PDB file of all heavy atoms in Angstrom:
ATOM      1  N   GLN A   1       3.390 -14.913  13.033  1.00  0.00           N
ATOM      2  CA  GLN A   1       2.823 -15.871  12.082  1.00  0.00           C
ATOM      3  C   GLN A   1       2.362 -17.145  12.788  1.00  0.00           C
ATOM      4  O   GLN A   1       1.303 -17.692  12.471  1.00  0.00           O
ATOM      5  CB  GLN A   1       3.863 -16.204  11.009  1.00  0.00           C
ATOM      6  CG  GLN A   1       4.136 -15.051  10.053  1.00  0.00           C
ATOM      7  CD  GLN A   1       5.317 -15.314   9.135  1.00  0.00           C
ATOM      8  OE1 GLN A   1       6.254 -16.048   9.487  1.00  0.00           O
ATOM      9  NE2 GLN A   1       5.293 -14.729   7.953  1.00  0.00           N
ATOM     10  N   GLN A   2       3.148 -17.605  13.763  1.00  0.00           N
ATOM     11  CA  GLN A   2       2.754 -18.807  14.508  1.00  0.00           C
ATOM     12  C   GLN A   2       1.434 -18.576  15.243  1.00  0.00           C
ATOM     13  O   GLN A   2       0.571 -19.458  15.276  1.00  0.00           O
ATOM     14  CB  GLN A   2       3.847 -19.200  15.508  1.00  0.00           C
ATOM     15  CG  GLN A   2       5.084 -19.791  14.858  1.00  0.00           C
ATOM     16  CD  GLN A   2       6.051 -20.346  15.882  1.00  0.00           C
ATOM     17  OE1 GLN A   2       5.727 -21.269  16.637  1.00  0.00           O
ATOM     18  NE2 GLN A   2       7.246 -19.780  15.927  1.00  0.00           N
ATOM     19  N   GLN A   3       1.259 -17.375  15.827  1.00  0.00           N
ATOM     20  CA  GLN A   3       0.009 -17.122  16.541  1.00  0.00           C
ATOM     21  C   GLN A   3      -1.165 -17.023  15.570  1.00  0.00           C
ATOM     22  O   GLN A   3      -2.280 -17.426  15.910  1.00  0.00           O
ATOM     23  CB  GLN A   3       0.133 -15.858  17.397  1.00  0.00           C
ATOM     24  CG  GLN A   3      -0.981 -15.691  18.431  1.00  0.00           C
ATOM     25  CD  GLN A   3      -1.043 -16.836  19.435  1.00  0.00           C
ATOM     26  OE1 GLN A   3      -1.263 -17.996  19.089  1.00  0.00           O
ATOM     27  NE2 GLN A   3      -0.862 -16.514  20.700  1.00  0.00           N
ATOM     28  N   ARG A   4      -0.946 -16.535  14.362  1.00  0.00           N
ATOM     29  CA  ARG A   4      -2.014 -16.526  13.353  1.00  0.00           C
ATOM     30  C   ARG A   4      -2.440 -17.956  13.012  1.00  0.00           C
ATOM     31  O   ARG A   4      -3.627 -18.246  12.850  1.00  0.00           O
ATOM     32  CB  ARG A   4      -1.555 -15.811  12.083  1.00  0.00           C
ATOM     33  CG  ARG A   4      -1.476 -14.313  12.218  1.00  0.00           C
ATOM     34  CD  ARG A   4      -0.831 -13.686  10.989  1.00  0.00           C
ATOM     35  NE  ARG A   4      -0.742 -12.252  11.161  1.00  0.00           N
ATOM     36  CZ  ARG A   4      -1.687 -11.392  10.804  1.00  0.00           C
ATOM     37  NH1 ARG A   4      -2.797 -11.841  10.242  1.00  0.00           N
ATOM     38  NH2 ARG A   4      -1.544 -10.101  10.992  1.00  0.00           N
ATOM     39  N   VAL A   5      -1.449 -18.833  12.898  1.00  0.00           N
ATOM     40  CA  VAL A   5      -1.753 -20.245  12.635  1.00  0.00           C
ATOM     41  C   VAL A   5      -2.518 -20.844  13.807  1.00  0.00           C
ATOM     42  O   VAL A   5      -3.487 -21.592  13.629  1.00  0.00           O
ATOM     43  CB  VAL A   5      -0.459 -21.048  12.362  1.00  0.00           C
ATOM     44  CG1 VAL A   5      -0.769 -22.537  12.195  1.00  0.00           C
ATOM     45  CG2 VAL A   5       0.244 -20.516  11.114  1.00  0.00           C
ATOM     46  N   ALA A   6      -2.095 -20.503  15.028  1.00  0.00           N
ATOM     47  CA  ALA A   6      -2.768 -21.020  16.226  1.00  0.00           C
ATOM     48  C   ALA A   6      -4.216 -20.540  16.283  1.00  0.00           C
ATOM     49  O   ALA A   6      -5.117 -21.293  16.662  1.00  0.00           O
ATOM     50  CB  ALA A   6      -2.009 -20.591  17.478  1.00  0.00           C
ATOM     51  N   ILE A   7      -4.452 -19.287  15.907  1.00  0.00           N
ATOM     52  CA  ILE A   7      -5.824 -18.774  15.881  1.00  0.00           C
ATOM     53  C   ILE A   7      -6.621 -19.489  14.799  1.00  0.00           C
ATOM     54  O   ILE A   7      -7.781 -19.872  15.011  1.00  0.00           O
ATOM     55  CB  ILE A   7      -5.831 -17.249  15.659  1.00  0.00           C
ATOM     56  CG1 ILE A   7      -5.219 -16.538  16.861  1.00  0.00           C
ATOM     57  CG2 ILE A   7      -7.257 -16.748  15.431  1.00  0.00           C
ATOM     58  CD1 ILE A   7      -5.005 -15.047  16.651  1.00  0.00           C
ATOM     59  N   ALA A   8      -6.013 -19.691  13.644  1.00  0.00           N
ATOM     60  CA  ALA A   8      -6.692 -20.420  12.569  1.00  0.00           C
ATOM     61  C   ALA A   8      -7.109 -21.810  13.040  1.00  0.00           C
ATOM     62  O   ALA A   8      -8.239 -22.253  12.782  1.00  0.00           O
ATOM     63  CB  ALA A   8      -5.774 -20.524  11.350  1.00  0.00           C
ATOM     64  N   ARG A   9      -6.212 -22.492  13.727  1.00  0.00           N
ATOM     65  CA  ARG A   9      -6.529 -23.823  14.246  1.00  0.00           C
ATOM     66  C   ARG A   9      -7.666 -23.759  15.264  1.00  0.00           C
ATOM     67  O   ARG A   9      -8.543 -24.623  15.302  1.00  0.00           O
ATOM     68  CB  ARG A   9      -5.290 -24.444  14.891  1.00  0.00           C
ATOM     69  CG  ARG A   9      -5.504 -25.855  15.445  1.00  0.00           C
ATOM     70  CD  ARG A   9      -4.282 -26.365  16.158  1.00  0.00           C
ATOM     71  NE  ARG A   9      -3.916 -25.486  17.277  1.00  0.00           N
ATOM     72  CZ  ARG A   9      -2.797 -25.615  17.991  1.00  0.00           C
ATOM     73  NH1 ARG A   9      -1.937 -26.565  17.703  1.00  0.00           N
ATOM     74  NH2 ARG A   9      -2.540 -24.788  18.981  1.00  0.00           N
ATOM     75  N   ALA A  10      -7.671 -22.711  16.094  1.00  0.00           N
ATOM     76  CA  ALA A  10      -8.691 -22.591  17.134  1.00  0.00           C
ATOM     77  C   ALA A  10     -10.081 -22.348  16.560  1.00  0.00           C
ATOM     78  O   ALA A  10     -11.077 -22.757  17.157  1.00  0.00           O
ATOM     79  CB  ALA A  10      -8.328 -21.463  18.102  1.00  0.00           C
ATOM     80  N   VAL A  11     -10.155 -21.669  15.415  1.00  0.00           N
ATOM     81  CA  VAL A  11     -11.474 -21.259  14.902  1.00  0.00           C
ATOM     82  C   VAL A  11     -11.937 -22.062  13.697  1.00  0.00           C
ATOM     83  O   VAL A  11     -13.081 -21.900  13.256  1.00  0.00           O
ATOM     84  CB  VAL A  11     -11.481 -19.749  14.552  1.00  0.00           C
ATOM     85  CG1 VAL A  11     -11.075 -18.928  15.747  1.00  0.00           C
ATOM     86  CG2 VAL A  11     -10.609 -19.430  13.352  1.00  0.00           C
ATOM     87  N   VAL A  12     -11.099 -22.956  13.156  1.00  0.00           N
ATOM     88  CA  VAL A  12     -11.439 -23.642  11.904  1.00  0.00           C
ATOM     89  C   VAL A  12     -12.701 -24.494  12.026  1.00  0.00           C
ATOM     90  O   VAL A  12     -13.441 -24.675  11.059  1.00  0.00           O
ATOM     91  CB  VAL A  12     -10.235 -24.489  11.406  1.00  0.00           C
ATOM     92  CG1 VAL A  12     -10.001 -25.705  12.301  1.00  0.00           C
ATOM     93  CG2 VAL A  12     -10.433 -24.901   9.949  1.00  0.00           C
ATOM     94  N   ALA A  13     -13.001 -24.985  13.216  1.00  0.00           N
ATOM     95  CA  ALA A  13     -14.193 -25.819  13.418  1.00  0.00           C
ATOM     96  C   ALA A  13     -15.410 -24.999  13.854  1.00  0.00           C
ATOM     97  O   ALA A  13     -16.424 -25.565  14.257  1.00  0.00           O
ATOM     98  CB  ALA A  13     -13.904 -26.920  14.444  1.00  0.00           C
ATOM     99  N   ASN A  14     -15.288 -23.670  13.775  1.00  0.00           N
ATOM    100  CA  ASN A  14     -16.381 -22.771  14.186  1.00  0.00           C
ATOM    101  C   ASN A  14     -16.874 -23.074  15.604  1.00  0.00           C
ATOM    102  O   ASN A  14     -18.066 -23.315  15.825  1.00  0.00           O
ATOM    103  CB  ASN A  14     -17.556 -22.855  13.204  1.00  0.00           C
ATOM    104  CG  ASN A  14     -17.192 -22.342  11.828  1.00  0.00           C
ATOM    105  OD1 ASN A  14     -16.391 -21.426  11.692  1.00  0.00           O
ATOM    106  ND2 ASN A  14     -17.777 -22.942  10.793  1.00  0.00           N
ATOM    107  N   PRO A  15     -15.974 -23.045  16.584  1.00  0.00           N
ATOM    108  CA  PRO A  15     -16.386 -23.372  17.964  1.00  0.00           C
ATOM    109  C   PRO A  15     -17.321 -22.307  18.523  1.00  0.00           C
ATOM    110  O   PRO A  15     -17.282 -21.139  18.117  1.00  0.00           O
ATOM    111  CB  PRO A  15     -15.059 -23.399  18.724  1.00  0.00           C
ATOM    112  CG  PRO A  15     -14.177 -22.445  17.966  1.00  0.00           C
ATOM    113  CD  PRO A  15     -14.550 -22.637  16.523  1.00  0.00           C
ATOM    114  N   LYS A  16     -18.122 -22.716  19.491  1.00  0.00           N
ATOM    115  CA  LYS A  16     -19.035 -21.774  20.145  1.00  0.00           C
ATOM    116  C   LYS A  16     -18.282 -20.838  21.087  1.00  0.00           C
ATOM    117  O   LYS A  16     -18.724 -19.722  21.345  1.00  0.00           O
ATOM    118  CB  LYS A  16     -20.106 -22.548  20.927  1.00  0.00           C
ATOM    119  CG  LYS A  16     -21.014 -23.404  20.052  1.00  0.00           C
ATOM    120  CD  LYS A  16     -22.014 -24.163  20.899  1.00  0.00           C
ATOM    121  CE  LYS A  16     -22.954 -24.990  20.032  1.00  0.00           C
ATOM    122  NZ  LYS A  16     -22.259 -26.089  19.349  1.00  0.00           N
ATOM    123  N   LEU A  17     -17.150 -21.312  21.614  1.00  0.00           N
ATOM    124  CA  LEU A  17     -16.393 -20.547  22.599  1.00  0.00           C
ATOM    125  C   LEU A  17     -14.904 -20.584  22.245  1.00  0.00           C
ATOM    126  O   LEU A  17     -14.357 -21.646  21.959  1.00  0.00           O
ATOM    127  CB  LEU A  17     -16.606 -21.154  23.994  1.00  0.00           C
ATOM    128  CG  LEU A  17     -15.788 -20.583  25.149  1.00  0.00           C
ATOM    129  CD1 LEU A  17     -16.166 -19.132  25.426  1.00  0.00           C
ATOM    130  CD2 LEU A  17     -15.987 -21.439  26.409  1.00  0.00           C
ATOM    131  N   ILE A  18     -14.268 -19.400  22.261  1.00  0.00           N
ATOM    132  CA  ILE A  18     -12.822 -19.317  22.065  1.00  0.00           C
ATOM    133  C   ILE A  18     -12.198 -18.885  23.391  1.00  0.00           C
ATOM    134  O   ILE A  18     -12.602 -17.878  23.977  1.00  0.00           O
ATOM    135  CB  ILE A  18     -12.452 -18.304  20.965  1.00  0.00           C
ATOM    136  CG1 ILE A  18     -13.020 -18.752  19.611  1.00  0.00           C
ATOM    137  CG2 ILE A  18     -10.939 -18.136  20.869  1.00  0.00           C
ATOM    138  CD1 ILE A  18     -12.873 -17.708  18.518  1.00  0.00           C
ATOM    139  N   LEU A  19     -11.230 -19.666  23.865  1.00  0.00           N
ATOM    140  CA  LEU A  19     -10.509 -19.346  25.096  1.00  0.00           C
ATOM    141  C   LEU A  19      -9.078 -18.968  24.727  1.00  0.00           C
ATOM    142  O   LEU A  19      -8.396 -19.711  24.023  1.00  0.00           O
ATOM    143  CB  LEU A  19     -10.507 -20.544  26.044  1.00  0.00           C
ATOM    144  CG  LEU A  19     -11.888 -21.033  26.490  1.00  0.00           C
ATOM    145  CD1 LEU A  19     -11.753 -22.291  27.328  1.00  0.00           C
ATOM    146  CD2 LEU A  19     -12.620 -19.948  27.281  1.00  0.00           C
ATOM    147  N   ALA A  20      -8.639 -17.805  25.180  1.00  0.00           N
ATOM    148  CA  ALA A  20      -7.305 -17.308  24.840  1.00  0.00           C
ATOM    149  C   ALA A  20      -6.519 -17.054  26.119  1.00  0.00           C
ATOM    150  O   ALA A  20      -6.960 -16.284  26.978  1.00  0.00           O
ATOM    151  CB  ALA A  20      -7.418 -16.031  24.012  1.00  0.00           C
ATOM    152  N   ASP A  21      -5.379 -17.706  26.253  1.00  0.00           N
ATOM    153  CA  ASP A  21      -4.539 -17.571  27.447  1.00  0.00           C
ATOM    154  C   ASP A  21      -3.307 -16.748  27.101  1.00  0.00           C
ATOM    155  O   ASP A  21      -2.388 -17.241  26.446  1.00  0.00           O
ATOM    156  CB  ASP A  21      -4.139 -18.959  27.959  1.00  0.00           C
ATOM    157  CG  ASP A  21      -3.514 -18.912  29.346  1.00  0.00           C
ATOM    158  OD1 ASP A  21      -3.344 -17.793  29.878  1.00  0.00           O
ATOM    159  OD2 ASP A  21      -3.201 -19.975  29.893  1.00  0.00           O
ATOM    160  N   GLU A  22      -3.298 -15.475  27.491  1.00  0.00           N
ATOM    161  CA  GLU A  22      -2.200 -14.550  27.187  1.00  0.00           C
ATOM    162  C   GLU A  22      -1.819 -14.638  25.699  1.00  0.00           C
ATOM    163  O   GLU A  22      -0.663 -14.918  25.354  1.00  0.00           O
ATOM    164  CB  GLU A  22      -0.975 -14.865  28.057  1.00  0.00           C
ATOM    165  CG  GLU A  22      -1.215 -14.781  29.544  1.00  0.00           C
ATOM    166  CD  GLU A  22      -1.246 -13.342  30.068  1.00  0.00           C
ATOM    167  OE1 GLU A  22      -1.084 -12.420  29.257  1.00  0.00           O
ATOM    168  OE2 GLU A  22      -1.443 -13.164  31.281  1.00  0.00           O
ATOM    169  N   PRO A  23      -2.763 -14.384  24.778  1.00  0.00           N
ATOM    170  CA  PRO A  23      -2.514 -14.647  23.361  1.00  0.00           C
ATOM    171  C   PRO A  23      -1.432 -13.786  22.730  1.00  0.00           C
ATOM    172  O   PRO A  23      -0.914 -14.132  21.669  1.00  0.00           O
ATOM    173  CB  PRO A  23      -3.875 -14.368  22.707  1.00  0.00           C
ATOM    174  CG  PRO A  23      -4.557 -13.420  23.632  1.00  0.00           C
ATOM    175  CD  PRO A  23      -4.117 -13.836  25.010  1.00  0.00           C
ATOM    176  N   THR A  24      -1.056 -12.667  23.369  1.00  0.00           N
ATOM    177  CA  THR A  24       0.006 -11.831  22.803  1.00  0.00           C
ATOM    178  C   THR A  24       1.257 -11.836  23.674  1.00  0.00           C
ATOM    179  O   THR A  24       2.172 -11.055  23.453  1.00  0.00           O
ATOM    180  CB  THR A  24      -0.484 -10.373  22.634  1.00  0.00           C
ATOM    181  OG1 THR A  24      -0.663  -9.780  23.931  1.00  0.00           O
ATOM    182  CG2 THR A  24      -1.800 -10.317  21.871  1.00  0.00           C
ATOM    183  N   GLY A  25       1.296 -12.725  24.666  1.00  0.00           N
ATOM    184  CA  GLY A  25       2.369 -12.711  25.653  1.00  0.00           C
ATOM    185  C   GLY A  25       3.761 -12.911  25.083  1.00  0.00           C
ATOM    186  O   GLY A  25       4.740 -12.424  25.654  1.00  0.00           O
ATOM    187  N   ASN A  26       3.873 -13.616  23.944  1.00  0.00           N
ATOM    188  CA  ASN A  26       5.182 -13.865  23.336  1.00  0.00           C
ATOM    189  C   ASN A  26       5.415 -13.038  22.076  1.00  0.00           C
ATOM    190  O   ASN A  26       6.301 -13.357  21.280  1.00  0.00           O
ATOM    191  CB  ASN A  26       5.337 -15.353  22.990  1.00  0.00           C
ATOM    192  CG  ASN A  26       5.662 -16.186  24.216  1.00  0.00           C
ATOM    193  OD1 ASN A  26       6.177 -15.665  25.203  1.00  0.00           O
ATOM    194  ND2 ASN A  26       5.364 -17.460  24.173  1.00  0.00           N
ATOM    195  N   LEU A  27       4.615 -11.970  21.894  1.00  0.00           N
ATOM    196  CA  LEU A  27       4.699 -11.189  20.669  1.00  0.00           C
ATOM    197  C   LEU A  27       5.152  -9.759  20.951  1.00  0.00           C
ATOM    198  O   LEU A  27       4.926  -9.228  22.033  1.00  0.00           O
ATOM    199  CB  LEU A  27       3.323 -11.147  19.984  1.00  0.00           C
ATOM    200  CG  LEU A  27       2.683 -12.503  19.652  1.00  0.00           C
ATOM    201  CD1 LEU A  27       1.310 -12.282  19.020  1.00  0.00           C
ATOM    202  CD2 LEU A  27       3.569 -13.316  18.724  1.00  0.00           C
ATOM    203  N   ASP A  28       5.774  -9.135  19.951  1.00  0.00           N
ATOM    204  CA  ASP A  28       6.073  -7.712  20.079  1.00  0.00           C
ATOM    205  C   ASP A  28       4.774  -6.920  19.945  1.00  0.00           C
ATOM    206  O   ASP A  28       3.721  -7.458  19.619  1.00  0.00           O
ATOM    207  CB  ASP A  28       7.111  -7.277  19.039  1.00  0.00           C
ATOM    208  CG  ASP A  28       6.655  -7.507  17.595  1.00  0.00           C
ATOM    209  OD1 ASP A  28       5.447  -7.347  17.308  1.00  0.00           O
ATOM    210  OD2 ASP A  28       7.506  -7.829  16.754  1.00  0.00           O
ATOM    211  N   SER A  29       4.840  -5.621  20.202  1.00  0.00           N
ATOM    212  CA  SER A  29       3.610  -4.827  20.275  1.00  0.00           C
ATOM    213  C   SER A  29       2.871  -4.776  18.943  1.00  0.00           C
ATOM    214  O   SER A  29       1.633  -4.843  18.921  1.00  0.00           O
ATOM    215  CB  SER A  29       3.928  -3.419  20.773  1.00  0.00           C
ATOM    216  OG  SER A  29       4.856  -2.782  19.916  1.00  0.00           O
ATOM    217  N   LYS A  30       3.586  -4.696  17.830  1.00  0.00           N
ATOM    218  CA  LYS A  30       2.927  -4.622  16.520  1.00  0.00           C
ATOM    219  C   LYS A  30       2.138  -5.898  16.240  1.00  0.00           C
ATOM    220  O   LYS A  30       0.954  -5.860  15.877  1.00  0.00           O
ATOM    221  CB  LYS A  30       3.961  -4.388  15.415  1.00  0.00           C
ATOM    222  CG  LYS A  30       3.375  -4.341  14.003  1.00  0.00           C
ATOM    223  CD  LYS A  30       4.466  -4.004  12.986  1.00  0.00           C
ATOM    224  CE  LYS A  30       3.898  -3.958  11.582  1.00  0.00           C
ATOM    225  NZ  LYS A  30       3.498  -5.285  11.071  1.00  0.00           N
ATOM    226  N   ASN A  31       2.787  -7.040  16.409  1.00  0.00           N
ATOM    227  CA  ASN A  31       2.099  -8.320  16.187  1.00  0.00           C
ATOM    228  C   ASN A  31       1.002  -8.543  17.215  1.00  0.00           C
ATOM    229  O   ASN A  31      -0.037  -9.135  16.916  1.00  0.00           O
ATOM    230  CB  ASN A  31       3.103  -9.480  16.204  1.00  0.00           C
ATOM    231  CG  ASN A  31       3.862  -9.614  14.902  1.00  0.00           C
ATOM    232  OD1 ASN A  31       3.273  -9.785  13.841  1.00  0.00           O
ATOM    233  ND2 ASN A  31       5.176  -9.504  14.969  1.00  0.00           N
ATOM    234  N   GLY A  32       1.243  -8.065  18.440  1.00  0.00           N
ATOM    235  CA  GLY A  32       0.221  -8.199  19.478  1.00  0.00           C
ATOM    236  C   GLY A  32      -1.060  -7.478  19.114  1.00  0.00           C
ATOM    237  O   GLY A  32      -2.164  -8.023  19.269  1.00  0.00           O
ATOM    238  N   VAL A  33      -0.933  -6.266  18.616  1.00  0.00           N
ATOM    239  CA  VAL A  33      -2.122  -5.497  18.211  1.00  0.00           C
ATOM    240  C   VAL A  33      -2.821  -6.181  17.039  1.00  0.00           C
ATOM    241  O   VAL A  33      -4.057  -6.245  16.982  1.00  0.00           O
ATOM    242  CB  VAL A  33      -1.732  -4.048  17.858  1.00  0.00           C
ATOM    243  CG1 VAL A  33      -2.910  -3.325  17.192  1.00  0.00           C
ATOM    244  CG2 VAL A  33      -1.308  -3.297  19.112  1.00  0.00           C
TER     245      VAL A  33
END
């Protein structure tokens, strides 16, 4: 859920570029997928 919020924050301003640094590194496989 925290990573969903982080993604929401990253895209809310409709940026031209999204940079993701190990975006699933702290998640289990289900949440990672």
